[in-house]
């Protein structure tokens, strides 16, 4: 517990990402929101060659950017690097 407190005080997010199960990483949000980007990808499915990404949302702790198929999905590579 003491080691975790020290790592938290040092803002060492990697310490926690290496120890938490992947499905529990969301718990880091309140402590590290200024250092994280949340990514949500929606698809039509993953079973066929005809399936595709329908939307991607990015949240950087300040704003949400959305890229939607048929509108601005090609913008995603630019948005993720900003």
PDB file of N, CA and C in Angstrom:
ATOM      1  N   UNK A   1       0.823  -1.170   0.000  1.00  0.00           N
ATOM      2  CA  UNK A   1       0.000   0.000   0.000  1.00  0.00           C
ATOM      3  C   UNK A   1       0.879   1.250   0.000  1.00  0.00           C
ATOM      4  N   UNK A   2       1.917   1.222   0.782  1.00  0.00           N
ATOM      5  CA  UNK A   2       2.800   2.391   0.839  1.00  0.00           C
ATOM      6  C   UNK A   2       3.448   2.651  -0.512  1.00  0.00           C
ATOM      7  N   UNK A   3       3.855   1.593  -1.199  1.00  0.00           N
ATOM      8  CA  UNK A   3       4.453   1.768  -2.534  1.00  0.00           C
ATOM      9  C   UNK A   3       3.440   2.414  -3.488  1.00  0.00           C
ATOM     10  N   UNK A   4       2.201   1.971  -3.430  1.00  0.00           N
ATOM     11  CA  UNK A   4       1.160   2.557  -4.281  1.00  0.00           C
ATOM     12  C   UNK A   4       0.961   4.030  -3.958  1.00  0.00           C
ATOM     13  N   UNK A   5       0.974   4.373  -2.705  1.00  0.00           N
ATOM     14  CA  UNK A   5       0.844   5.795  -2.325  1.00  0.00           C
ATOM     15  C   UNK A   5       1.997   6.629  -2.879  1.00  0.00           C
ATOM     16  N   UNK A   6       3.204   6.078  -2.807  1.00  0.00           N
ATOM     17  CA  UNK A   6       4.369   6.806  -3.341  1.00  0.00           C
ATOM     18  C   UNK A   6       4.265   6.960  -4.857  1.00  0.00           C
ATOM     19  N   UNK A   7       3.843   5.909  -5.535  1.00  0.00           N
ATOM     20  CA  UNK A   7       3.719   5.962  -6.994  1.00  0.00           C
ATOM     21  C   UNK A   7       2.611   6.931  -7.398  1.00  0.00           C
ATOM     22  N   UNK A   8       1.543   6.985  -6.624  1.00  0.00           N
ATOM     23  CA  UNK A   8       0.471   7.935  -6.888  1.00  0.00           C
ATOM     24  C   UNK A   8       0.960   9.365  -6.701  1.00  0.00           C
ATOM     25  N   UNK A   9       1.681   9.602  -5.632  1.00  0.00           N
ATOM     26  CA  UNK A   9       2.240  10.941  -5.384  1.00  0.00           C
ATOM     27  C   UNK A   9       3.214  11.350  -6.495  1.00  0.00           C
ATOM     28  N   UNK A  10       3.909  10.368  -7.060  1.00  0.00           N
ATOM     29  CA  UNK A  10       4.855  10.638  -8.153  1.00  0.00           C
ATOM     30  C   UNK A  10       4.149  10.715  -9.507  1.00  0.00           C
ATOM     31  N   UNK A  11       2.822  10.518  -9.531  1.00  0.00           N
ATOM     32  CA  UNK A  11       2.017  10.554 -10.760  1.00  0.00           C
ATOM     33  C   UNK A  11       2.481   9.496 -11.765  1.00  0.00           C
ATOM     34  N   UNK A  12       2.848   8.328 -11.269  1.00  0.00           N
ATOM     35  CA  UNK A  12       3.370   7.238 -12.086  1.00  0.00           C
ATOM     36  C   UNK A  12       2.232   6.350 -12.585  1.00  0.00           C
ATOM     37  N   UNK A  13       1.594   6.768 -13.654  1.00  0.00           N
ATOM     38  CA  UNK A  13       0.452   6.021 -14.185  1.00  0.00           C
ATOM     39  C   UNK A  13       0.867   4.633 -14.662  1.00  0.00           C
ATOM     40  N   UNK A  14       2.071   4.483 -15.172  1.00  0.00           N
ATOM     41  CA  UNK A  14       2.501   3.174 -15.668  1.00  0.00           C
ATOM     42  C   UNK A  14       2.566   2.131 -14.549  1.00  0.00           C
ATOM     43  N   UNK A  15       2.889   2.563 -13.341  1.00  0.00           N
ATOM     44  CA  UNK A  15       2.903   1.638 -12.201  1.00  0.00           C
ATOM     45  C   UNK A  15       1.535   0.969 -12.051  1.00  0.00           C
ATOM     46  N   UNK A  16       0.491   1.763 -12.180  1.00  0.00           N
ATOM     47  CA  UNK A  16      -0.859   1.249 -11.991  1.00  0.00           C
ATOM     48  C   UNK A  16      -1.373   0.498 -13.215  1.00  0.00           C
ATOM     49  N   UNK A  17      -1.024   0.946 -14.408  1.00  0.00           N
ATOM     50  CA  UNK A  17      -1.491   0.247 -15.608  1.00  0.00           C
ATOM     51  C   UNK A  17      -0.887  -1.145 -15.713  1.00  0.00           C
ATOM     52  N   UNK A  18       0.282  -1.341 -15.137  1.00  0.00           N
ATOM     53  CA  UNK A  18       0.913  -2.656 -15.161  1.00  0.00           C
ATOM     54  C   UNK A  18       0.331  -3.606 -14.116  1.00  0.00           C
ATOM     55  N   UNK A  19      -0.403  -3.077 -13.163  1.00  0.00           N
ATOM     56  CA  UNK A  19      -0.905  -3.903 -12.072  1.00  0.00           C
ATOM     57  C   UNK A  19      -2.417  -4.114 -12.075  1.00  0.00           C
ATOM     58  N   UNK A  20      -3.128  -3.259 -12.736  1.00  0.00           N
ATOM     59  CA  UNK A  20      -4.584  -3.407 -12.782  1.00  0.00           C
ATOM     60  C   UNK A  20      -4.997  -4.266 -13.972  1.00  0.00           C
ATOM     61  N   UNK A  21      -6.041  -5.068 -13.822  1.00  0.00           N
ATOM     62  CA  UNK A  21      -6.580  -5.784 -14.987  1.00  0.00           C
ATOM     63  C   UNK A  21      -7.085  -4.768 -16.012  1.00  0.00           C
ATOM     64  N   UNK A  22      -7.024  -5.115 -17.275  1.00  0.00           N
ATOM     65  CA  UNK A  22      -7.423  -4.187 -18.342  1.00  0.00           C
ATOM     66  C   UNK A  22      -8.830  -3.646 -18.136  1.00  0.00           C
ATOM     67  N   UNK A  23      -9.736  -4.485 -17.655  1.00  0.00           N
ATOM     68  CA  UNK A  23     -11.114  -4.028 -17.484  1.00  0.00           C
ATOM     69  C   UNK A  23     -11.292  -3.115 -16.267  1.00  0.00           C
ATOM     70  N   UNK A  24     -10.228  -2.845 -15.546  1.00  0.00           N
ATOM     71  CA  UNK A  24     -10.292  -1.957 -14.385  1.00  0.00           C
ATOM     72  C   UNK A  24      -9.504  -0.655 -14.586  1.00  0.00           C
ATOM     73  N   UNK A  25      -8.916  -0.477 -15.743  1.00  0.00           N
ATOM     74  CA  UNK A  25      -8.109   0.724 -15.997  1.00  0.00           C
ATOM     75  C   UNK A  25      -8.917   2.010 -15.918  1.00  0.00           C
ATOM     76  N   UNK A  26     -10.205   1.937 -16.122  1.00  0.00           N
ATOM     77  CA  UNK A  26     -11.059   3.113 -16.018  1.00  0.00           C
ATOM     78  C   UNK A  26     -10.946   3.764 -14.635  1.00  0.00           C
ATOM     79  N   UNK A  27     -10.550   2.990 -13.646  1.00  0.00           N
ATOM     80  CA  UNK A  27     -10.427   3.513 -12.285  1.00  0.00           C
ATOM     81  C   UNK A  27      -9.333   4.578 -12.154  1.00  0.00           C
ATOM     82  N   UNK A  28      -8.444   4.634 -13.119  1.00  0.00           N
ATOM     83  CA  UNK A  28      -7.365   5.626 -13.089  1.00  0.00           C
ATOM     84  C   UNK A  28      -7.828   7.015 -13.500  1.00  0.00           C
ATOM     85  N   UNK A  29      -9.009   7.097 -14.061  1.00  0.00           N
ATOM     86  CA  UNK A  29      -9.469   8.355 -14.642  1.00  0.00           C
ATOM     87  C   UNK A  29      -9.416   9.540 -13.681  1.00  0.00           C
ATOM     88  N   UNK A  30      -9.977   9.427 -12.522  1.00  0.00           N
ATOM     89  CA  UNK A  30     -10.044  10.579 -11.610  1.00  0.00           C
ATOM     90  C   UNK A  30      -8.669  11.100 -11.198  1.00  0.00           C
ATOM     91  N   UNK A  31      -7.717  10.219 -11.068  1.00  0.00           N
ATOM     92  CA  UNK A  31      -6.373  10.628 -10.651  1.00  0.00           C
ATOM     93  C   UNK A  31      -5.496  11.112 -11.808  1.00  0.00           C
ATOM     94  N   UNK A  32      -5.717  10.565 -13.001  1.00  0.00           N
ATOM     95  CA  UNK A  32      -4.797  10.823 -14.114  1.00  0.00           C
ATOM     96  C   UNK A  32      -5.472  11.422 -15.341  1.00  0.00           C
ATOM     97  N   UNK A  33      -6.667  11.978 -15.206  1.00  0.00           N
ATOM     98  CA  UNK A  33      -7.425  12.434 -16.370  1.00  0.00           C
ATOM     99  C   UNK A  33      -6.655  13.431 -17.235  1.00  0.00           C
ATOM    100  N   UNK A  34      -5.755  14.193 -16.655  1.00  0.00           N
ATOM    101  CA  UNK A  34      -5.003  15.174 -17.448  1.00  0.00           C
ATOM    102  C   UNK A  34      -3.910  14.534 -18.294  1.00  0.00           C
ATOM    103  N   UNK A  35      -3.661  13.248 -18.087  1.00  0.00           N
ATOM    104  CA  UNK A  35      -2.593  12.552 -18.802  1.00  0.00           C
ATOM    105  C   UNK A  35      -3.105  11.418 -19.682  1.00  0.00           C
ATOM    106  N   UNK A  36      -4.421  11.290 -19.790  1.00  0.00           N
ATOM    107  CA  UNK A  36      -5.013  10.164 -20.501  1.00  0.00           C
ATOM    108  C   UNK A  36      -5.867  10.624 -21.672  1.00  0.00           C
ATOM    109  N   UNK A  37      -6.011   9.758 -22.623  1.00  0.00           N
ATOM    110  CA  UNK A  37      -6.958   9.941 -23.715  1.00  0.00           C
ATOM    111  C   UNK A  37      -7.836   8.698 -23.735  1.00  0.00           C
ATOM    112  N   UNK A  38      -9.117   8.916 -23.746  1.00  0.00           N
ATOM    113  CA  UNK A  38     -10.051   7.802 -23.845  1.00  0.00           C
ATOM    114  C   UNK A  38     -10.529   7.697 -25.282  1.00  0.00           C
ATOM    115  N   UNK A  39     -10.564   6.478 -25.770  1.00  0.00           N
ATOM    116  CA  UNK A  39     -10.888   6.189 -27.153  1.00  0.00           C
ATOM    117  C   UNK A  39     -12.036   5.191 -27.186  1.00  0.00           C
ATOM    118  N   UNK A  40     -13.070   5.507 -27.955  1.00  0.00           N
ATOM    119  CA  UNK A  40     -14.205   4.603 -28.119  1.00  0.00           C
ATOM    120  C   UNK A  40     -14.416   4.408 -29.611  1.00  0.00           C
ATOM    121  N   UNK A  41     -14.404   3.163 -30.059  1.00  0.00           N
ATOM    122  CA  UNK A  41     -14.587   2.843 -31.470  1.00  0.00           C
ATOM    123  C   UNK A  41     -15.852   2.008 -31.620  1.00  0.00           C
ATOM    124  N   UNK A  42     -16.735   2.466 -32.477  1.00  0.00           N
ATOM    125  CA  UNK A  42     -17.973   1.740 -32.775  1.00  0.00           C
ATOM    126  C   UNK A  42     -17.873   1.172 -34.180  1.00  0.00           C
ATOM    127  N   UNK A  43     -18.368  -0.050 -34.348  1.00  0.00           N
ATOM    128  CA  UNK A  43     -18.331  -0.697 -35.658  1.00  0.00           C
ATOM    129  C   UNK A  43     -19.685  -1.311 -35.981  1.00  0.00           C
ATOM    130  N   UNK A  44     -19.834  -1.725 -37.234  1.00  0.00           N
ATOM    131  CA  UNK A  44     -21.042  -2.451 -37.629  1.00  0.00           C
ATOM    132  C   UNK A  44     -20.927  -3.916 -37.240  1.00  0.00           C
ATOM    133  N   UNK A  45     -19.754  -4.343 -36.825  1.00  0.00           N
ATOM    134  CA  UNK A  45     -19.506  -5.724 -36.444  1.00  0.00           C
ATOM    135  C   UNK A  45     -18.118  -6.128 -36.898  1.00  0.00           C
ATOM    136  N   UNK A  46     -17.682  -7.287 -36.479  1.00  0.00           N
ATOM    137  CA  UNK A  46     -16.330  -7.724 -36.832  1.00  0.00           C
ATOM    138  C   UNK A  46     -16.324  -9.123 -37.449  1.00  0.00           C
ATOM    139  N   UNK A  47     -17.372  -9.493 -38.142  1.00  0.00           N
ATOM    140  CA  UNK A  47     -17.476 -10.852 -38.669  1.00  0.00           C
ATOM    141  C   UNK A  47     -17.373 -10.935 -40.190  1.00  0.00           C
ATOM    142  N   UNK A  48     -17.418  -9.829 -40.838  1.00  0.00           N
ATOM    143  CA  UNK A  48     -17.462  -9.867 -42.283  1.00  0.00           C
ATOM    144  C   UNK A  48     -16.511  -8.844 -42.886  1.00  0.00           C
ATOM    145  N   UNK A  49     -16.107  -9.100 -44.098  1.00  0.00           N
ATOM    146  CA  UNK A  49     -15.248  -8.143 -44.808  1.00  0.00           C
ATOM    147  C   UNK A  49     -16.001  -6.857 -45.108  1.00  0.00           C
ATOM    148  N   UNK A  50     -17.324  -6.866 -44.972  1.00  0.00           N
ATOM    149  CA  UNK A  50     -18.135  -5.685 -45.271  1.00  0.00           C
ATOM    150  C   UNK A  50     -18.369  -4.793 -44.054  1.00  0.00           C
ATOM    151  N   UNK A  51     -17.950  -5.235 -42.886  1.00  0.00           N
ATOM    152  CA  UNK A  51     -18.122  -4.425 -41.677  1.00  0.00           C
ATOM    153  C   UNK A  51     -17.122  -3.285 -41.681  1.00  0.00           C
ATOM    154  N   UNK A  52     -17.461  -2.216 -40.975  1.00  0.00           N
ATOM    155  CA  UNK A  52     -16.578  -1.053 -40.951  1.00  0.00           C
ATOM    156  C   UNK A  52     -16.776  -0.254 -39.663  1.00  0.00           C
ATOM    157  N   UNK A  53     -15.855   0.642 -39.425  1.00  0.00           N
ATOM    158  CA  UNK A  53     -15.956   1.567 -38.292  1.00  0.00           C
ATOM    159  C   UNK A  53     -17.045   2.576 -38.611  1.00  0.00           C
ATOM    160  N   UNK A  54     -17.936   2.795 -37.663  1.00  0.00           N
ATOM    161  CA  UNK A  54     -19.009   3.772 -37.854  1.00  0.00           C
ATOM    162  C   UNK A  54     -18.720   5.081 -37.137  1.00  0.00           C
ATOM    163  N   UNK A  55     -18.009   5.020 -36.013  1.00  0.00           N
ATOM    164  CA  UNK A  55     -17.706   6.238 -35.262  1.00  0.00           C
ATOM    165  C   UNK A  55     -16.527   6.007 -34.329  1.00  0.00           C
ATOM    166  N   UNK A  56     -15.778   7.074 -34.116  1.00  0.00           N
ATOM    167  CA  UNK A  56     -14.674   7.058 -33.159  1.00  0.00           C
ATOM    168  C   UNK A  56     -14.808   8.317 -32.314  1.00  0.00           C
ATOM    169  N   UNK A  57     -14.701   8.163 -31.012  1.00  0.00           N
ATOM    170  CA  UNK A  57     -14.739   9.316 -30.109  1.00  0.00           C
ATOM    171  C   UNK A  57     -13.451   9.346 -29.292  1.00  0.00           C
ATOM    172  N   UNK A  58     -12.890  10.539 -29.149  1.00  0.00           N
ATOM    173  CA  UNK A  58     -11.691  10.763 -28.347  1.00  0.00           C
ATOM    174  C   UNK A  58     -12.020  11.768 -27.256  1.00  0.00           C
ATOM    175  N   UNK A  59     -11.591  11.489 -26.040  1.00  0.00           N
ATOM    176  CA  UNK A  59     -11.747  12.455 -24.941  1.00  0.00           C
ATOM    177  C   UNK A  59     -10.389  12.641 -24.310  1.00  0.00           C
ATOM    178  N   UNK A  60      -9.885  13.857 -24.301  1.00  0.00           N
ATOM    179  CA  UNK A  60      -8.542  14.132 -23.784  1.00  0.00           C
ATOM    180  C   UNK A  60      -8.554  14.797 -22.416  1.00  0.00           C
ATOM    181  N   UNK A  61      -9.687  14.778 -21.747  1.00  0.00           N
ATOM    182  CA  UNK A  61      -9.795  15.418 -20.448  1.00  0.00           C
ATOM    183  C   UNK A  61     -10.331  16.832 -20.534  1.00  0.00           C
ATOM    184  N   UNK A  62     -10.412  17.349 -21.753  1.00  0.00           N
ATOM    185  CA  UNK A  62     -10.909  18.708 -21.955  1.00  0.00           C
ATOM    186  C   UNK A  62     -12.057  18.760 -22.947  1.00  0.00           C
ATOM    187  N   UNK A  63     -11.915  18.005 -24.023  1.00  0.00           N
ATOM    188  CA  UNK A  63     -12.962  18.032 -25.034  1.00  0.00           C
ATOM    189  C   UNK A  63     -13.136  16.653 -25.665  1.00  0.00           C
ATOM    190  N   UNK A  64     -14.308  16.468 -26.235  1.00  0.00           N
ATOM    191  CA  UNK A  64     -14.607  15.243 -26.956  1.00  0.00           C
ATOM    192  C   UNK A  64     -14.576  15.558 -28.441  1.00  0.00           C
ATOM    193  N   UNK A  65     -13.866  14.731 -29.185  1.00  0.00           N
ATOM    194  CA  UNK A  65     -13.849  14.839 -30.639  1.00  0.00           C
ATOM    195  C   UNK A  65     -14.488  13.573 -31.181  1.00  0.00           C
ATOM    196  N   UNK A  66     -15.378  13.721 -32.123  1.00  0.00           N
ATOM    197  CA  UNK A  66     -16.011  12.558 -32.724  1.00  0.00           C
ATOM    198  C   UNK A  66     -15.765  12.550 -34.226  1.00  0.00           C
ATOM    199  N   UNK A  67     -15.538  11.374 -34.736  1.00  0.00           N
ATOM    200  CA  UNK A  67     -15.357  11.154 -36.162  1.00  0.00           C
ATOM    201  C   UNK A  67     -16.395  10.113 -36.576  1.00  0.00           C
ATOM    202  N   UNK A  68     -17.178  10.434 -37.576  1.00  0.00           N
ATOM    203  CA  UNK A  68     -18.302   9.595 -37.969  1.00  0.00           C
ATOM    204  C   UNK A  68     -18.156   9.175 -39.430  1.00  0.00           C
ATOM    205  N   UNK A  69     -18.414   7.886 -39.685  1.00  0.00           N
ATOM    206  CA  UNK A  69     -18.355   7.342 -41.041  1.00  0.00           C
ATOM    207  C   UNK A  69     -19.310   8.116 -41.930  1.00  0.00           C
ATOM    208  N   UNK A  70     -18.853   8.481 -43.096  1.00  0.00           N
ATOM    209  CA  UNK A  70     -19.677   9.235 -44.037  1.00  0.00           C
ATOM    210  C   UNK A  70     -19.624  10.736 -43.807  1.00  0.00           C
ATOM    211  N   UNK A  71     -18.969  11.166 -42.729  1.00  0.00           N
ATOM    212  CA  UNK A  71     -18.862  12.611 -42.436  1.00  0.00           C
ATOM    213  C   UNK A  71     -17.398  13.027 -42.350  1.00  0.00           C
ATOM    214  N   UNK A  72     -16.748  12.631 -41.267  1.00  0.00           N
ATOM    215  CA  UNK A  72     -15.393  13.116 -41.012  1.00  0.00           C
ATOM    216  C   UNK A  72     -14.458  12.030 -40.458  1.00  0.00           C
ATOM    217  N   UNK A  73     -14.733  10.776 -40.741  1.00  0.00           N
ATOM    218  CA  UNK A  73     -13.926   9.691 -40.196  1.00  0.00           C
ATOM    219  C   UNK A  73     -12.457   9.791 -40.627  1.00  0.00           C
ATOM    220  N   UNK A  74     -12.210  10.319 -41.805  1.00  0.00           N
ATOM    221  CA  UNK A  74     -10.834  10.476 -42.285  1.00  0.00           C
ATOM    222  C   UNK A  74     -10.044  11.479 -41.442  1.00  0.00           C
ATOM    223  N   UNK A  75     -10.721  12.279 -40.633  1.00  0.00           N
ATOM    224  CA  UNK A  75     -10.088  13.260 -39.750  1.00  0.00           C
ATOM    225  C   UNK A  75      -9.418  12.602 -38.543  1.00  0.00           C
ATOM    226  N   UNK A  76      -9.797  11.362 -38.226  1.00  0.00           N
ATOM    227  CA  UNK A  76      -9.297  10.697 -37.024  1.00  0.00           C
ATOM    228  C   UNK A  76      -7.773  10.675 -36.911  1.00  0.00           C
ATOM    229  N   UNK A  77      -7.006  10.305 -37.936  1.00  0.00           N
ATOM    230  CA  UNK A  77      -5.546  10.299 -37.782  1.00  0.00           C
ATOM    231  C   UNK A  77      -4.969  11.663 -37.399  1.00  0.00           C
ATOM    232  N   UNK A  78      -5.597  12.707 -37.837  1.00  0.00           N
ATOM    233  CA  UNK A  78      -5.148  14.063 -37.469  1.00  0.00           C
ATOM    234  C   UNK A  78      -5.526  14.354 -36.020  1.00  0.00           C
ATOM    235  N   UNK A  79      -6.756  14.036 -35.648  1.00  0.00           N
ATOM    236  CA  UNK A  79      -7.236  14.315 -34.289  1.00  0.00           C
ATOM    237  C   UNK A  79      -6.428  13.565 -33.225  1.00  0.00           C
ATOM    238  N   UNK A  80      -6.048  12.335 -33.493  1.00  0.00           N
ATOM    239  CA  UNK A  80      -5.355  11.548 -32.463  1.00  0.00           C
ATOM    240  C   UNK A  80      -3.932  12.065 -32.228  1.00  0.00           C
ATOM    241  N   UNK A  81      -3.368  12.755 -33.178  1.00  0.00           N
ATOM    242  CA  UNK A  81      -2.002  13.290 -33.025  1.00  0.00           C
ATOM    243  C   UNK A  81      -1.966  14.709 -32.464  1.00  0.00           C
ATOM    244  N   UNK A  82      -3.111  15.290 -32.222  1.00  0.00           N
ATOM    245  CA  UNK A  82      -3.132  16.658 -31.684  1.00  0.00           C
ATOM    246  C   UNK A  82      -3.057  16.648 -30.194  1.00  0.00           C
TER     247      UNK A  82
END
